[in-house]
PDB file of N, CA and C in Angstrom:
ATOM      1  N   MET A   1       1.663 -14.365   6.753  1.00  0.00           N
ATOM      2  CA  MET A   1       2.063 -14.493   5.372  1.00  0.00           C
ATOM      3  C   MET A   1       3.579 -14.636   5.245  1.00  0.00           C
ATOM      4  N   HIS A   2       4.319 -13.844   5.997  1.00  0.00           N
ATOM      5  CA  HIS A   2       5.763 -13.831   5.823  1.00  0.00           C
ATOM      6  C   HIS A   2       6.377 -15.212   6.045  1.00  0.00           C
ATOM      7  N   GLY A   3       6.016 -15.874   7.122  1.00  0.00           N
ATOM      8  CA  GLY A   3       6.610 -17.168   7.426  1.00  0.00           C
ATOM      9  C   GLY A   3       6.283 -18.233   6.403  1.00  0.00           C
ATOM     10  N   ARG A   4       5.006 -18.436   6.145  1.00  0.00           N
ATOM     11  CA  ARG A   4       4.576 -19.483   5.221  1.00  0.00           C
ATOM     12  C   ARG A   4       5.027 -19.182   3.796  1.00  0.00           C
ATOM     13  N   THR A   5       4.830 -17.948   3.350  1.00  0.00           N
ATOM     14  CA  THR A   5       5.195 -17.586   1.982  1.00  0.00           C
ATOM     15  C   THR A   5       6.697 -17.674   1.768  1.00  0.00           C
ATOM     16  N   SER A   6       7.470 -17.119   2.679  1.00  0.00           N
ATOM     17  CA  SER A   6       8.922 -17.147   2.498  1.00  0.00           C
ATOM     18  C   SER A   6       9.441 -18.584   2.566  1.00  0.00           C
ATOM     19  N   PHE A   7       8.844 -19.414   3.416  1.00  0.00           N
ATOM     20  CA  PHE A   7       9.258 -20.814   3.508  1.00  0.00           C
ATOM     21  C   PHE A   7       9.068 -21.513   2.169  1.00  0.00           C
ATOM     22  N   GLU A   8       7.890 -21.311   1.549  1.00  0.00           N
ATOM     23  CA  GLU A   8       7.601 -21.947   0.256  1.00  0.00           C
ATOM     24  C   GLU A   8       8.498 -21.403  -0.855  1.00  0.00           C
ATOM     25  N   TRP A   9       8.679 -20.095  -0.919  1.00  0.00           N
ATOM     26  CA  TRP A   9       9.531 -19.512  -1.954  1.00  0.00           C
ATOM     27  C   TRP A   9      10.979 -19.970  -1.800  1.00  0.00           C
ATOM     28  N   ASN A  10      11.444 -19.978  -0.565  1.00  0.00           N
ATOM     29  CA  ASN A  10      12.815 -20.428  -0.342  1.00  0.00           C
ATOM     30  C   ASN A  10      12.970 -21.900  -0.713  1.00  0.00           C
ATOM     31  N   ARG A  11      11.955 -22.718  -0.421  1.00  0.00           N
ATOM     32  CA  ARG A  11      12.008 -24.134  -0.810  1.00  0.00           C
ATOM     33  C   ARG A  11      12.065 -24.265  -2.317  1.00  0.00           C
ATOM     34  N   GLU A  12      11.199 -23.548  -3.040  1.00  0.00           N
ATOM     35  CA  GLU A  12      11.169 -23.614  -4.501  1.00  0.00           C
ATOM     36  C   GLU A  12      12.494 -23.172  -5.117  1.00  0.00           C
ATOM     37  N   GLU A  13      13.129 -22.186  -4.508  1.00  0.00           N
ATOM     38  CA  GLU A  13      14.370 -21.640  -5.057  1.00  0.00           C
ATOM     39  C   GLU A  13      15.616 -22.230  -4.406  1.00  0.00           C
ATOM     40  N   ARG A  14      15.405 -23.250  -3.578  1.00  0.00           N
ATOM     41  CA  ARG A  14      16.504 -23.928  -2.883  1.00  0.00           C
ATOM     42  C   ARG A  14      17.379 -22.927  -2.126  1.00  0.00           C
ATOM     43  N   SER A  15      16.726 -22.061  -1.370  1.00  0.00           N
ATOM     44  CA  SER A  15      17.423 -21.023  -0.600  1.00  0.00           C
ATOM     45  C   SER A  15      16.934 -21.011   0.839  1.00  0.00           C
ATOM     46  N   ARG A  16      16.883 -22.159   1.470  1.00  0.00           N
ATOM     47  CA  ARG A  16      16.399 -22.259   2.852  1.00  0.00           C
ATOM     48  C   ARG A  16      17.096 -21.267   3.757  1.00  0.00           C
ATOM     49  N   GLY A  17      16.311 -20.606   4.611  1.00  0.00           N
ATOM     50  CA  GLY A  17      16.852 -19.673   5.582  1.00  0.00           C
ATOM     51  C   GLY A  17      17.026 -18.254   5.076  1.00  0.00           C
ATOM     52  N   ARG A  18      16.823 -18.029   3.779  1.00  0.00           N
ATOM     53  CA  ARG A  18      16.962 -16.681   3.234  1.00  0.00           C
ATOM     54  C   ARG A  18      15.879 -15.782   3.815  1.00  0.00           C
ATOM     55  N   GLN A  19      16.264 -14.584   4.238  1.00  0.00           N
ATOM     56  CA  GLN A  19      15.304 -13.621   4.788  1.00  0.00           C
ATOM     57  C   GLN A  19      15.057 -12.560   3.729  1.00  0.00           C
ATOM     58  N   VAL A  20      13.799 -12.415   3.316  1.00  0.00           N
ATOM     59  CA  VAL A  20      13.484 -11.475   2.244  1.00  0.00           C
ATOM     60  C   VAL A  20      12.714 -10.258   2.716  1.00  0.00           C
ATOM     61  N   TRP A  21      12.149 -10.310   3.915  1.00  0.00           N
ATOM     62  CA  TRP A  21      11.370  -9.183   4.431  1.00  0.00           C
ATOM     63  C   TRP A  21      12.022  -8.634   5.693  1.00  0.00           C
ATOM     64  N   CYS A  22      13.246  -8.198   5.604  1.00  0.00           N
ATOM     65  CA  CYS A  22      13.901  -7.728   6.820  1.00  0.00           C
ATOM     66  C   CYS A  22      13.514  -6.284   7.120  1.00  0.00           C
ATOM     67  N   GLY A  23      12.995  -6.050   8.295  1.00  0.00           N
ATOM     68  CA  GLY A  23      12.679  -4.717   8.761  1.00  0.00           C
ATOM     69  C   GLY A  23      11.532  -4.016   8.065  1.00  0.00           C
ATOM     70  N   ALA A  24      10.696  -4.734   7.355  1.00  0.00           N
ATOM     71  CA  ALA A  24       9.585  -4.097   6.645  1.00  0.00           C
ATOM     72  C   ALA A  24       8.409  -3.872   7.589  1.00  0.00           C
ATOM     73  N   ASN A  25       7.710  -2.778   7.374  1.00  0.00           N
ATOM     74  CA  ASN A  25       6.515  -2.456   8.144  1.00  0.00           C
ATOM     75  C   ASN A  25       5.389  -2.099   7.188  1.00  0.00           C
ATOM     76  N   ASP A  26       4.198  -2.508   7.514  1.00  0.00           N
ATOM     77  CA  ASP A  26       3.036  -2.134   6.732  1.00  0.00           C
ATOM     78  C   ASP A  26       2.342  -0.984   7.438  1.00  0.00           C
ATOM     79  N   ARG A  27       2.193   0.141   6.754  1.00  0.00           N
ATOM     80  CA  ARG A  27       1.529   1.314   7.308  1.00  0.00           C
ATOM     81  C   ARG A  27       0.680   1.958   6.228  1.00  0.00           C
ATOM     82  N   TYR A  28      -0.370   2.583   6.619  1.00  0.00           N
ATOM     83  CA  TYR A  28      -1.186   3.329   5.668  1.00  0.00           C
ATOM     84  C   TYR A  28      -0.667   4.765   5.604  1.00  0.00           C
ATOM     85  N   MET A  29      -0.957   5.429   4.513  1.00  0.00           N
ATOM     86  CA  MET A  29      -0.571   6.827   4.374  1.00  0.00           C
ATOM     87  C   MET A  29      -1.485   7.660   5.261  1.00  0.00           C
ATOM     88  N   ARG A  30      -0.913   8.373   6.194  1.00  0.00           N
ATOM     89  CA  ARG A  30      -1.682   9.118   7.190  1.00  0.00           C
ATOM     90  C   ARG A  30      -2.234  10.441   6.654  1.00  0.00           C
ATOM     91  N   ASN A  31      -1.520  11.051   5.720  1.00  0.00           N
ATOM     92  CA  ASN A  31      -1.957  12.323   5.153  1.00  0.00           C
ATOM     93  C   ASN A  31      -1.100  12.622   3.928  1.00  0.00           C
ATOM     94  N   ASP A  32      -1.339  13.769   3.292  1.00  0.00           N
ATOM     95  CA  ASP A  32      -0.572  14.133   2.097  1.00  0.00           C
ATOM     96  C   ASP A  32       0.918  14.281   2.394  1.00  0.00           C
ATOM     97  N   ALA A  33       1.258  14.871   3.532  1.00  0.00           N
ATOM     98  CA  ALA A  33       2.666  15.038   3.886  1.00  0.00           C
ATOM     99  C   ALA A  33       3.359  13.681   4.021  1.00  0.00           C
ATOM    100  N   HIS A  34       2.685  12.725   4.620  1.00  0.00           N
ATOM    101  CA  HIS A  34       3.234  11.378   4.763  1.00  0.00           C
ATOM    102  C   HIS A  34       3.442  10.743   3.393  1.00  0.00           C
ATOM    103  N   PHE A  35       2.487  10.918   2.500  1.00  0.00           N
ATOM    104  CA  PHE A  35       2.589  10.366   1.148  1.00  0.00           C
ATOM    105  C   PHE A  35       3.802  10.937   0.415  1.00  0.00           C
ATOM    106  N   TRP A  36       3.930  12.284   0.389  1.00  0.00           N
ATOM    107  CA  TRP A  36       5.015  12.907  -0.371  1.00  0.00           C
ATOM    108  C   TRP A  36       6.374  12.619   0.256  1.00  0.00           C
ATOM    109  N   ALA A  37       6.468  12.610   1.574  1.00  0.00           N
ATOM    110  CA  ALA A  37       7.734  12.264   2.223  1.00  0.00           C
ATOM    111  C   ALA A  37       8.115  10.817   1.904  1.00  0.00           C
ATOM    112  N   THR A  38       7.126   9.925   1.855  1.00  0.00           N
ATOM    113  CA  THR A  38       7.382   8.524   1.516  1.00  0.00           C
ATOM    114  C   THR A  38       7.866   8.395   0.083  1.00  0.00           C
ATOM    115  N   LEU A  39       7.217   9.087  -0.833  1.00  0.00           N
ATOM    116  CA  LEU A  39       7.630   9.032  -2.236  1.00  0.00           C
ATOM    117  C   LEU A  39       9.047   9.572  -2.393  1.00  0.00           C
ATOM    118  N   ASN A  40       9.352  10.671  -1.716  1.00  0.00           N
ATOM    119  CA  ASN A  40      10.714  11.211  -1.755  1.00  0.00           C
ATOM    120  C   ASN A  40      11.713  10.206  -1.189  1.00  0.00           C
ATOM    121  N   TYR A  41      11.350   9.561  -0.096  1.00  0.00           N
ATOM    122  CA  TYR A  41      12.220   8.561   0.535  1.00  0.00           C
ATOM    123  C   TYR A  41      12.496   7.398  -0.416  1.00  0.00           C
ATOM    124  N   VAL A  42      11.451   6.881  -1.030  1.00  0.00           N
ATOM    125  CA  VAL A  42      11.602   5.736  -1.934  1.00  0.00           C
ATOM    126  C   VAL A  42      12.478   6.104  -3.126  1.00  0.00           C
ATOM    127  N   HIS A  43      12.228   7.262  -3.731  1.00  0.00           N
ATOM    128  CA  HIS A  43      13.023   7.665  -4.883  1.00  0.00           C
ATOM    129  C   HIS A  43      14.469   7.985  -4.506  1.00  0.00           C
ATOM    130  N   HIS A  44      14.691   8.488  -3.317  1.00  0.00           N
ATOM    131  CA  HIS A  44      16.041   8.878  -2.903  1.00  0.00           C
ATOM    132  C   HIS A  44      16.861   7.716  -2.332  1.00  0.00           C
ATOM    133  N   ASN A  45      16.233   6.632  -1.967  1.00  0.00           N
ATOM    134  CA  ASN A  45      16.910   5.529  -1.291  1.00  0.00           C
ATOM    135  C   ASN A  45      18.141   4.998  -2.041  1.00  0.00           C
ATOM    136  N   PRO A  46      18.085   4.769  -3.373  1.00  0.00           N
ATOM    137  CA  PRO A  46      19.299   4.299  -4.069  1.00  0.00           C
ATOM    138  C   PRO A  46      20.440   5.316  -4.022  1.00  0.00           C
ATOM    139  N   VAL A  47      20.116   6.599  -4.015  1.00  0.00           N
ATOM    140  CA  VAL A  47      21.141   7.644  -3.904  1.00  0.00           C
ATOM    141  C   VAL A  47      21.738   7.610  -2.502  1.00  0.00           C
ATOM    142  N   HIS A  48      20.876   7.538  -1.502  1.00  0.00           N
ATOM    143  CA  HIS A  48      21.318   7.492  -0.105  1.00  0.00           C
ATOM    144  C   HIS A  48      22.290   6.344   0.144  1.00  0.00           C
ATOM    145  N   HIS A  49      22.028   5.193  -0.463  1.00  0.00           N
ATOM    146  CA  HIS A  49      22.860   4.004  -0.244  1.00  0.00           C
ATOM    147  C   HIS A  49      24.021   3.893  -1.231  1.00  0.00           C
ATOM    148  N   GLY A  50      24.173   4.892  -2.104  1.00  0.00           N
ATOM    149  CA  GLY A  50      25.315   4.918  -3.009  1.00  0.00           C
ATOM    150  C   GLY A  50      25.190   4.071  -4.257  1.00  0.00           C
ATOM    151  N   TYR A  51      23.995   3.600  -4.584  1.00  0.00           N
ATOM    152  CA  TYR A  51      23.800   2.804  -5.789  1.00  0.00           C
ATOM    153  C   TYR A  51      23.678   3.672  -7.040  1.00  0.00           C
ATOM    154  N   ALA A  52      23.348   4.936  -6.855  1.00  0.00           N
ATOM    155  CA  ALA A  52      23.201   5.871  -7.971  1.00  0.00           C
ATOM    156  C   ALA A  52      23.527   7.273  -7.465  1.00  0.00           C
ATOM    157  N   GLU A  53      23.878   8.147  -8.391  1.00  0.00           N
ATOM    158  CA  GLU A  53      24.130   9.544  -8.008  1.00  0.00           C
ATOM    159  C   GLU A  53      22.871  10.380  -8.146  1.00  0.00           C
ATOM    160  N   LYS A  54      21.975   9.984  -9.039  1.00  0.00           N
ATOM    161  CA  LYS A  54      20.719  10.699  -9.263  1.00  0.00           C
ATOM    162  C   LYS A  54      19.579   9.688  -9.261  1.00  0.00           C
ATOM    163  N   TRP A  55      18.409  10.156  -8.880  1.00  0.00           N
ATOM    164  CA  TRP A  55      17.230   9.284  -8.824  1.00  0.00           C
ATOM    165  C   TRP A  55      17.036   8.510 -10.118  1.00  0.00           C
ATOM    166  N   GLN A  56      17.079   9.212 -11.238  1.00  0.00           N
ATOM    167  CA  GLN A  56      16.736   8.607 -12.519  1.00  0.00           C
ATOM    168  C   GLN A  56      17.784   7.616 -13.023  1.00  0.00           C
ATOM    169  N   GLU A  57      18.931   7.506 -12.348  1.00  0.00           N
ATOM    170  CA  GLU A  57      19.965   6.548 -12.749  1.00  0.00           C
ATOM    171  C   GLU A  57      19.690   5.134 -12.247  1.00  0.00           C
ATOM    172  N   TRP A  58      18.856   4.987 -11.227  1.00  0.00           N
ATOM    173  CA  TRP A  58      18.582   3.661 -10.668  1.00  0.00           C
ATOM    174  C   TRP A  58      17.568   2.960 -11.582  1.00  0.00           C
ATOM    175  N   PRO A  59      17.945   1.836 -12.223  1.00  0.00           N
ATOM    176  CA  PRO A  59      17.078   1.218 -13.244  1.00  0.00           C
ATOM    177  C   PRO A  59      15.788   0.601 -12.703  1.00  0.00           C
ATOM    178  N   TYR A  60      15.699   0.370 -11.407  1.00  0.00           N
ATOM    179  CA  TYR A  60      14.519  -0.298 -10.832  1.00  0.00           C
ATOM    180  C   TYR A  60      13.560   0.694 -10.175  1.00  0.00           C
ATOM    181  N   SER A  61      13.695   1.959 -10.508  1.00  0.00           N
ATOM    182  CA  SER A  61      12.918   3.009  -9.859  1.00  0.00           C
ATOM    183  C   SER A  61      11.850   3.569 -10.793  1.00  0.00           C
ATOM    184  N   SER A  62      10.819   4.123 -10.189  1.00  0.00           N
ATOM    185  CA  SER A  62       9.793   4.840 -10.953  1.00  0.00           C
ATOM    186  C   SER A  62      10.160   6.316 -11.097  1.00  0.00           C
ATOM    187  N   ALA A  63      11.339   6.705 -10.663  1.00  0.00           N
ATOM    188  CA  ALA A  63      11.732   8.118 -10.636  1.00  0.00           C
ATOM    189  C   ALA A  63      11.728   8.766 -12.015  1.00  0.00           C
ATOM    190  N   ARG A  64      12.189   8.053 -13.040  1.00  0.00           N
ATOM    191  CA  ARG A  64      12.209   8.654 -14.383  1.00  0.00           C
ATOM    192  C   ARG A  64      10.806   9.026 -14.843  1.00  0.00           C
ATOM    193  N   GLU A  65       9.874   8.102 -14.664  1.00  0.00           N
ATOM    194  CA  GLU A  65       8.485   8.380 -15.054  1.00  0.00           C
ATOM    195  C   GLU A  65       7.891   9.495 -14.198  1.00  0.00           C
ATOM    196  N   TYR A  66       8.192   9.476 -12.922  1.00  0.00           N
ATOM    197  CA  TYR A  66       7.723  10.499 -11.993  1.00  0.00           C
ATOM    198  C   TYR A  66       8.209  11.882 -12.429  1.00  0.00           C
ATOM    199  N   LEU A  67       9.507  11.993 -12.716  1.00  0.00           N
ATOM    200  CA  LEU A  67      10.072  13.275 -13.129  1.00  0.00           C
ATOM    201  C   LEU A  67       9.529  13.722 -14.478  1.00  0.00           C
ATOM    202  N   THR A  68       9.309  12.797 -15.379  1.00  0.00           N
ATOM    203  CA  THR A  68       8.726  13.130 -16.681  1.00  0.00           C
ATOM    204  C   THR A  68       7.302  13.645 -16.509  1.00  0.00           C
ATOM    205  N   GLU A  69       6.553  12.996 -15.630  1.00  0.00           N
ATOM    206  CA  GLU A  69       5.151  13.357 -15.438  1.00  0.00           C
ATOM    207  C   GLU A  69       4.978  14.710 -14.734  1.00  0.00           C
ATOM    208  N   ILE A  70       5.711  14.939 -13.651  1.00  0.00           N
ATOM    209  CA  ILE A  70       5.477  16.181 -12.897  1.00  0.00           C
ATOM    210  C   ILE A  70       6.508  17.272 -13.180  1.00  0.00           C
ATOM    211  N   GLY A  71       7.631  16.904 -13.760  1.00  0.00           N
ATOM    212  CA  GLY A  71       8.680  17.873 -14.077  1.00  0.00           C
ATOM    213  C   GLY A  71       9.660  18.052 -12.927  1.00  0.00           C
ATOM    214  N   HIS A  72      10.867  18.441 -13.279  1.00  0.00           N
ATOM    215  CA  HIS A  72      11.931  18.599 -12.280  1.00  0.00           C
ATOM    216  C   HIS A  72      11.633  19.729 -11.297  1.00  0.00           C
ATOM    217  N   GLU A  73      11.025  20.802 -11.789  1.00  0.00           N
ATOM    218  CA  GLU A  73      10.733  21.939 -10.905  1.00  0.00           C
ATOM    219  C   GLU A  73       9.732  21.550  -9.812  1.00  0.00           C
ATOM    220  N   GLU A  74       8.663  20.854 -10.199  1.00  0.00           N
ATOM    221  CA  GLU A  74       7.666  20.422  -9.202  1.00  0.00           C
ATOM    222  C   GLU A  74       8.254  19.369  -8.270  1.00  0.00           C
ATOM    223  N   ALA A  75       9.081  18.471  -8.796  1.00  0.00           N
ATOM    224  CA  ALA A  75       9.736  17.465  -7.950  1.00  0.00           C
ATOM    225  C   ALA A  75      10.635  18.141  -6.917  1.00  0.00           C
ATOM    226  N   ALA A  76      11.352  19.164  -7.330  1.00  0.00           N
ATOM    227  CA  ALA A  76      12.221  19.898  -6.397  1.00  0.00           C
ATOM    228  C   ALA A  76      11.382  20.595  -5.327  1.00  0.00           C
ATOM    229  N   ARG A  77      10.255  21.183  -5.738  1.00  0.00           N
ATOM    230  CA  ARG A  77       9.379  21.842  -4.765  1.00  0.00           C
ATOM    231  C   ARG A  77       8.872  20.840  -3.732  1.00  0.00           C
ATOM    232  N   LEU A  78       8.430  19.679  -4.208  1.00  0.00           N
ATOM    233  CA  LEU A  78       7.925  18.645  -3.295  1.00  0.00           C
ATOM    234  C   LEU A  78       9.042  18.098  -2.404  1.00  0.00           C
ATOM    235  N   TRP A  79      10.264  18.030  -2.922  1.00  0.00           N
ATOM    236  CA  TRP A  79      11.407  17.571  -2.129  1.00  0.00           C
ATOM    237  C   TRP A  79      11.652  18.519  -0.956  1.00  0.00           C
ATOM    238  N   TYR A  80      11.598  19.828  -1.222  1.00  0.00           N
ATOM    239  CA  TYR A  80      11.845  20.813  -0.160  1.00  0.00           C
ATOM    240  C   TYR A  80      10.652  20.984   0.773  1.00  0.00           C
ATOM    241  N   GLU A  81       9.449  20.854   0.231  1.00  0.00           N
ATOM    242  CA  GLU A  81       8.259  20.994   1.071  1.00  0.00           C
ATOM    243  C   GLU A  81       8.035  19.786   1.967  1.00  0.00           C
ATOM    244  N   TYR A  82       8.414  18.589   1.491  1.00  0.00           N
ATOM    245  CA  TYR A  82       8.219  17.347   2.252  1.00  0.00           C
ATOM    246  C   TYR A  82       9.547  16.600   2.366  1.00  0.00           C
ATOM    247  N   PRO A  83      10.481  17.144   3.155  1.00  0.00           N
ATOM    248  CA  PRO A  83      11.806  16.521   3.269  1.00  0.00           C
ATOM    249  C   PRO A  83      11.743  15.178   3.997  1.00  0.00           C
ATOM    250  N   ILE A  84      12.706  14.337   3.687  1.00  0.00           N
ATOM    251  CA  ILE A  84      12.723  13.019   4.322  1.00  0.00           C
ATOM    252  C   ILE A  84      13.372  13.062   5.706  1.00  0.00           C
ATOM    253  N   LEU A  85      14.267  14.010   5.939  1.00  0.00           N
ATOM    254  CA  LEU A  85      14.938  14.187   7.231  1.00  0.00           C
ATOM    255  C   LEU A  85      15.356  12.849   7.816  1.00  0.00           C
ATOM    256  N   ASP A  86      14.776  12.423   8.935  1.00  0.00           N
ATOM    257  CA  ASP A  86      15.120  11.146   9.563  1.00  0.00           C
ATOM    258  C   ASP A  86      14.120  10.054   9.201  1.00  0.00           C
ATOM    259  N   TYR A  87      13.400  10.233   8.118  1.00  0.00           N
ATOM    260  CA  TYR A  87      12.422   9.235   7.665  1.00  0.00           C
ATOM    261  C   TYR A  87      13.139   7.901   7.530  1.00  0.00           C
ATOM    262  N   GLY A  88      12.528   6.858   8.012  1.00  0.00           N
ATOM    263  CA  GLY A  88      13.153   5.544   8.012  1.00  0.00           C
ATOM    264  C   GLY A  88      13.639   5.158   9.396  1.00  0.00           C
ATOM    265  N   LYS A  89      13.980   6.142  10.215  1.00  0.00           N
ATOM    266  CA  LYS A  89      14.379   5.855  11.600  1.00  0.00           C
ATOM    267  C   LYS A  89      13.142   5.819  12.484  1.00  0.00           C
ATOM    268  N   ARG A  90      12.241   6.768  12.296  1.00  0.00           N
ATOM    269  CA  ARG A  90      10.951   6.815  13.005  1.00  0.00           C
ATOM    270  C   ARG A  90       9.885   7.123  11.958  1.00  0.00           C
ATOM    271  N   TRP A  91       9.822   6.331  10.917  1.00  0.00           N
ATOM    272  CA  TRP A  91       9.093   6.731   9.715  1.00  0.00           C
ATOM    273  C   TRP A  91       7.596   6.878   9.900  1.00  0.00           C
ATOM    274  N   ASP A  92       7.009   6.319  10.909  1.00  0.00           N
ATOM    275  CA  ASP A  92       5.567   6.506  11.071  1.00  0.00           C
ATOM    276  C   ASP A  92       5.256   7.438  12.231  1.00  0.00           C
ATOM    277  N   ALA A  93       6.198   8.318  12.532  1.00  0.00           N
ATOM    278  CA  ALA A  93       6.012   9.263  13.630  1.00  0.00           C
ATOM    279  C   ALA A  93       4.801  10.159  13.360  1.00  0.00           C
ATOM    280  N   ALA A  94       4.182  10.607  14.417  1.00  0.00           N
ATOM    281  CA  ALA A  94       2.980  11.427  14.302  1.00  0.00           C
ATOM    282  C   ALA A  94       3.235  12.741  13.578  1.00  0.00           C
ATOM    283  N   ALA A  95       4.485  13.196  13.528  1.00  0.00           N
ATOM    284  CA  ALA A  95       4.797  14.473  12.867  1.00  0.00           C
ATOM    285  C   ALA A  95       4.540  14.427  11.377  1.00  0.00           C
ATOM    286  N   LEU A  96       4.535  13.242  10.782  1.00  0.00           N
ATOM    287  CA  LEU A  96       4.324  13.153   9.336  1.00  0.00           C
ATOM    288  C   LEU A  96       2.882  13.329   8.969  1.00  0.00           C
TER     289      LEU A  96
END
């Protein structure tokens, strides 16, 4: 999919050679810990890269809805119970 789809999209947008799927991996959620660590990683990523100071400041994130739905206290509990640590470096490690 990546080769054919990206070739067609790049042709349509006149952006030949553009790479849109760099370093992506498809993995299934192995367990609840993997799910919550992944959600924490996704919500924290803009903060980690300096695009925002808080999760809810990044306009392209589901973090605001997430925090509204579960509350800040539960989000904090899940953050500490399922830390991201080195997630992203060995993100599908068996420890998750």
